[in-house]
Amino acid sequence: MEKRFKNRIRQAADDPDPTAKDAFIRTYRRLGSCREMRSWDILKSQAGYIRKSVWMISLFALLLAVVELHAGSRHMIMMVSAWMPFVSGIAVIETFRSELHSMTELESATKLSIRGILFARIICIGTVHVILILLLTVLMARSSGHGYWMTGAMITIPYLLSSVVSMEAERTAFGRRNVFVCIIISVFTAFLVIMLQGRELYFAEGYREIWYLAAMLLLAAECHEVKKTFRSVQIYGR
């Protein structure tokens, strides 16, 4: 019975052609070598997974600046500065999205390491936001009356403050389970910016060194937080 069964299987399927087999192996090896992902390929692949809301909120900041500039609003720079915490807040949520949805271990089992995925996300979002801040600074510097450096500081400080505090919050057990924590931090930071509206004293020449120092300190804190983020996922790195 067993012998007859084996004969029927042998009759149903012909022996593979050795020539075709060698050709298939060579083709597979060639494709496998071509699929070795470069840094640009990693960035391009991860850029497609970043949610559109991140880009839409960033684009809205630019559109807000254009509208306020066209309208000649004297509070233009404050309006844009108050929006920047939301730009960084949604970016932090997107960066920690794997932990939020408990996908860290699954992503660490893919071809890319979890640290590689995280690095690609930070580079993609960070590059766009640096370009955004530069565009906003150039666009509003002359009309704001504060000059390029002060305008850049006024835009960057709320962005960095919200980002640093949000990343710290996301490392807590409560922050990882609740998305609204970053939103609350963004709202509070925007409220602080609005509270400065109309208080020209704090934007006078004598206070500029304080603004520049605050911007540099927050930038250093941002770099430190990014470094801590990479250390926190080291257990899943490869």
Protein backbone atom coordinates (compact mmCIF):
# COMPACT_ATOMS: atom_id res chain seq x y z
CA MET A 1 0.00 0.00 0.00
CA GLU A 2 2.76 2.40 0.92
CA LYS A 3 4.80 1.51 -2.16
CA ARG A 4 1.80 2.03 -4.43
CA PHE A 5 1.12 5.37 -2.77
CA LYS A 6 4.72 6.51 -3.38
CA ASN A 7 4.49 5.46 -7.04
CA ARG A 8 1.35 7.54 -7.52
CA ILE A 9 3.05 10.59 -5.99
CA ARG A 10 6.05 10.08 -8.25
CA GLN A 11 3.78 9.84 -11.31
CA ALA A 12 1.82 12.96 -10.31
CA ALA A 13 4.90 15.17 -10.02
CA ASP A 14 7.86 14.97 -12.37
CA ASP A 15 11.39 15.23 -11.08
CA PRO A 16 12.62 18.86 -11.09
CA ASP A 17 14.84 19.89 -13.95
CA PRO A 18 18.41 20.30 -12.57
CA THR A 19 19.11 23.11 -15.06
CA ALA A 20 16.03 25.07 -13.97
CA LYS A 21 16.94 24.45 -10.35
CA ASP A 22 20.41 25.95 -10.80
CA ALA A 23 18.96 28.93 -12.67
CA PHE A 24 16.44 29.52 -9.86
CA ILE A 25 19.15 29.43 -7.19
CA ARG A 26 21.35 31.87 -9.12
CA THR A 27 18.42 34.25 -9.63
CA TYR A 28 17.48 34.09 -5.95
CA ARG A 29 21.03 34.82 -4.86
CA ARG A 30 21.26 37.75 -7.24
CA LEU A 31 17.98 39.23 -5.96
CA GLY A 32 19.05 38.63 -2.38
CA SER A 33 22.25 40.59 -2.85
CA CYS A 34 20.33 43.42 -4.51
CA ARG A 35 17.95 43.62 -1.58
CA GLU A 36 20.68 44.59 0.86
CA MET A 37 19.16 47.76 2.28
CA ARG A 38 21.20 50.93 2.29
CA SER A 39 20.66 53.87 4.63
CA TRP A 40 18.65 55.72 1.99
CA ASP A 41 16.44 52.67 1.42
CA ILE A 42 15.74 52.43 5.16
CA LEU A 43 14.81 56.12 5.39
CA LYS A 44 12.60 55.92 2.31
CA SER A 45 10.79 52.83 3.56
CA GLN A 46 10.11 54.29 7.01
CA ALA A 47 8.99 57.66 5.62
CA GLY A 48 6.06 55.87 4.03
CA TYR A 49 4.92 54.49 7.40
CA ILE A 50 4.82 57.86 9.15
CA ARG A 51 1.22 58.94 9.53
CA LYS A 52 -0.08 61.80 7.39
CA SER A 53 -1.19 63.72 10.48
CA VAL A 54 2.48 64.42 11.30
CA TRP A 55 3.00 66.09 7.92
CA MET A 56 -0.39 67.85 7.96
CA ILE A 57 0.23 69.50 11.34
CA SER A 58 3.67 70.60 10.16
CA LEU A 59 2.22 71.99 6.93
CA PHE A 60 -0.44 73.86 8.88
CA ALA A 61 2.28 75.78 10.74
CA LEU A 62 3.64 77.00 7.41
CA LEU A 63 0.17 77.88 6.10
CA LEU A 64 -0.61 79.73 9.33
CA ALA A 65 2.53 81.83 8.91
CA VAL A 66 1.61 82.68 5.31
CA VAL A 67 -1.96 83.65 6.24
CA GLU A 68 -0.90 85.75 9.22
CA LEU A 69 1.82 87.41 7.16
CA HIS A 70 -0.63 88.24 4.38
CA ALA A 71 -3.11 89.62 6.92
CA GLY A 72 -0.40 91.76 8.51
CA SER A 73 -1.17 90.47 12.01
CA ARG A 74 1.02 91.97 14.73
CA HIS A 75 0.68 88.72 16.69
CA MET A 76 1.83 86.59 13.77
CA ILE A 77 4.93 85.16 15.40
CA MET A 78 3.07 84.35 18.64
CA MET A 79 0.37 82.47 16.73
CA VAL A 80 2.96 80.35 14.94
CA SER A 81 5.03 79.85 18.10
CA ALA A 82 1.92 78.67 19.95
CA TRP A 83 1.33 76.06 17.24
CA MET A 84 4.88 74.65 17.32
CA PRO A 85 4.35 72.58 20.53
CA PHE A 86 1.70 70.58 18.67
CA VAL A 87 4.15 69.99 15.81
CA SER A 88 6.68 68.44 18.19
CA GLY A 89 4.04 66.72 20.34
CA ILE A 90 2.60 64.71 17.46
CA ALA A 91 6.16 63.88 16.37
CA VAL A 92 6.91 62.36 19.79
CA ILE A 93 3.71 60.31 19.63
CA GLU A 94 4.75 59.00 16.21
CA THR A 95 8.26 58.20 17.41
CA PHE A 96 6.95 56.09 20.30
CA ARG A 97 4.11 54.56 18.28
CA SER A 98 5.64 51.06 18.43
CA GLU A 99 5.59 51.05 22.23
CA LEU A 100 2.12 52.60 22.30
CA HIS A 101 0.67 49.72 20.26
CA SER A 102 2.93 47.05 21.82
CA MET A 103 4.63 46.41 18.48
CA THR A 104 8.22 46.77 19.65
CA GLU A 105 9.01 43.07 19.90
CA LEU A 106 7.35 42.34 16.55
CA GLU A 107 9.29 45.10 14.78
CA SER A 108 12.52 43.89 16.36
CA ALA A 109 12.00 40.53 14.62
CA THR A 110 11.95 42.08 11.15
CA LYS A 111 14.88 42.57 8.79
CA LEU A 112 15.57 45.98 10.36
CA SER A 113 16.43 46.32 14.04
CA ILE A 114 14.09 48.32 16.24
CA ARG A 115 16.88 50.86 16.74
CA GLY A 116 17.25 51.19 12.97
CA ILE A 117 13.52 51.80 12.59
CA LEU A 118 13.53 54.35 15.40
CA PHE A 119 16.58 56.11 13.97
CA ALA A 120 14.94 56.32 10.54
CA ARG A 121 11.76 57.82 11.98
CA ILE A 122 13.65 60.43 13.98
CA ILE A 123 15.79 61.38 10.99
CA CYS A 124 12.77 61.69 8.65
CA ILE A 125 10.63 63.72 11.02
CA GLY A 126 13.55 65.74 12.40
CA THR A 127 14.82 66.73 8.95
CA VAL A 128 11.37 67.97 7.89
CA HIS A 129 10.97 69.94 11.11
CA VAL A 130 14.39 71.57 10.82
CA ILE A 131 13.49 72.69 7.29
CA LEU A 132 10.11 73.89 8.59
CA ILE A 133 11.69 76.00 11.36
CA LEU A 134 14.19 77.52 8.90
CA LEU A 135 11.40 78.37 6.44
CA LEU A 136 9.28 79.95 9.17
CA THR A 137 12.23 81.96 10.44
CA VAL A 138 13.10 83.33 7.00
CA LEU A 139 9.44 83.97 6.20
CA MET A 140 8.62 85.93 9.36
CA ALA A 141 11.92 87.52 10.42
CA ARG A 142 11.53 90.82 8.61
CA SER A 143 7.86 91.33 9.42
CA SER A 144 8.26 90.33 13.08
CA GLY A 145 10.77 93.10 13.73
CA HIS A 146 12.89 90.81 15.93
CA GLY A 147 15.52 89.75 13.38
CA TYR A 148 16.41 86.25 12.21
CA TRP A 149 18.07 84.92 15.35
CA MET A 150 15.40 86.10 17.79
CA THR A 151 12.60 84.94 15.49
CA GLY A 152 14.23 81.53 15.23
CA ALA A 153 14.56 81.32 19.01
CA MET A 154 10.92 82.28 19.56
CA ILE A 155 9.80 79.51 17.19
CA THR A 156 12.26 76.86 18.35
CA ILE A 157 11.93 77.18 22.15
CA PRO A 158 8.22 76.14 22.35
CA TYR A 159 8.94 73.29 19.93
CA LEU A 160 11.88 71.97 21.95
CA LEU A 161 10.22 72.49 25.33
CA SER A 162 7.18 70.44 24.33
CA SER A 163 9.38 67.77 22.72
CA VAL A 164 11.70 67.32 25.73
CA VAL A 165 8.89 67.13 28.29
CA SER A 166 6.82 64.82 26.05
CA MET A 167 9.72 62.38 25.61
CA GLU A 168 10.23 62.25 29.36
CA ALA A 169 6.51 61.62 29.85
CA GLU A 170 6.46 58.87 27.21
CA ARG A 171 9.03 56.89 29.19
CA THR A 172 6.68 56.56 32.13
CA ALA A 173 4.20 53.67 32.30
CA PHE A 174 1.29 56.14 32.33
CA GLY A 175 2.64 58.08 29.36
CA ARG A 176 3.14 54.95 27.25
CA ARG A 177 -0.49 53.94 27.75
CA ASN A 178 -2.06 57.37 27.19
CA VAL A 179 -1.57 59.38 24.02
CA PHE A 180 -3.27 62.45 25.45
CA VAL A 181 -0.29 63.13 27.75
CA CYS A 182 1.71 64.64 24.85
CA ILE A 183 -1.33 66.64 23.75
CA ILE A 184 -1.80 68.07 27.27
CA ILE A 185 1.89 69.04 27.36
CA SER A 186 1.52 70.73 23.96
CA VAL A 187 -1.58 72.63 25.13
CA PHE A 188 0.18 73.80 28.31
CA THR A 189 3.25 74.94 26.35
CA ALA A 190 1.05 76.81 23.86
CA PHE A 191 -0.73 78.47 26.80
CA LEU A 192 2.63 79.70 28.13
CA VAL A 193 3.42 81.22 24.73
CA ILE A 194 0.06 82.97 24.56
CA MET A 195 0.61 84.37 28.06
CA LEU A 196 3.68 86.21 26.71
CA GLN A 197 1.60 87.89 24.02
CA GLY A 198 1.67 91.65 24.33
CA ARG A 199 4.55 91.66 26.82
CA GLU A 200 7.13 93.36 24.63
CA LEU A 201 9.47 93.81 27.59
CA TYR A 202 10.56 90.16 27.41
CA PHE A 203 11.54 90.57 23.75
CA ALA A 204 13.68 93.65 24.23
CA GLU A 205 17.36 93.75 23.34
CA GLY A 206 18.47 93.08 26.91
CA TYR A 207 16.59 89.77 27.09
CA ARG A 208 17.86 88.28 23.85
CA GLU A 209 20.84 86.57 25.43
CA ILE A 210 18.42 84.76 27.75
CA TRP A 211 16.35 83.56 24.78
CA TYR A 212 19.47 82.33 22.97
CA LEU A 213 20.75 80.56 26.07
CA ALA A 214 17.36 78.91 26.63
CA ALA A 215 17.30 77.72 23.02
CA MET A 216 20.78 76.20 23.30
CA LEU A 217 20.00 74.50 26.61
CA LEU A 218 16.79 73.03 25.23
CA LEU A 219 18.63 71.87 22.10
CA ALA A 220 21.18 70.09 24.29
CA ALA A 221 18.33 68.56 26.30
CA GLU A 222 16.68 67.39 23.09
CA CYS A 223 19.87 65.63 21.98
CA HIS A 224 20.15 64.04 25.41
CA GLU A 225 16.55 62.81 25.24
CA VAL A 226 17.12 61.27 21.81
CA LYS A 227 20.19 59.51 23.17
CA LYS A 228 18.18 58.18 26.12
CA THR A 229 15.53 56.97 23.70
CA PHE A 230 18.07 54.86 21.83
CA ARG A 231 19.35 53.43 25.10
CA SER A 232 15.82 52.50 26.15
CA VAL A 233 15.38 50.26 23.09
CA GLN A 234 18.86 48.72 23.29
CA ILE A 235 17.40 45.48 24.60
CA TYR A 236 15.68 44.98 21.24
CA GLY A 237 18.62 46.16 19.13
CA ARG A 238 20.60 43.83 16.89
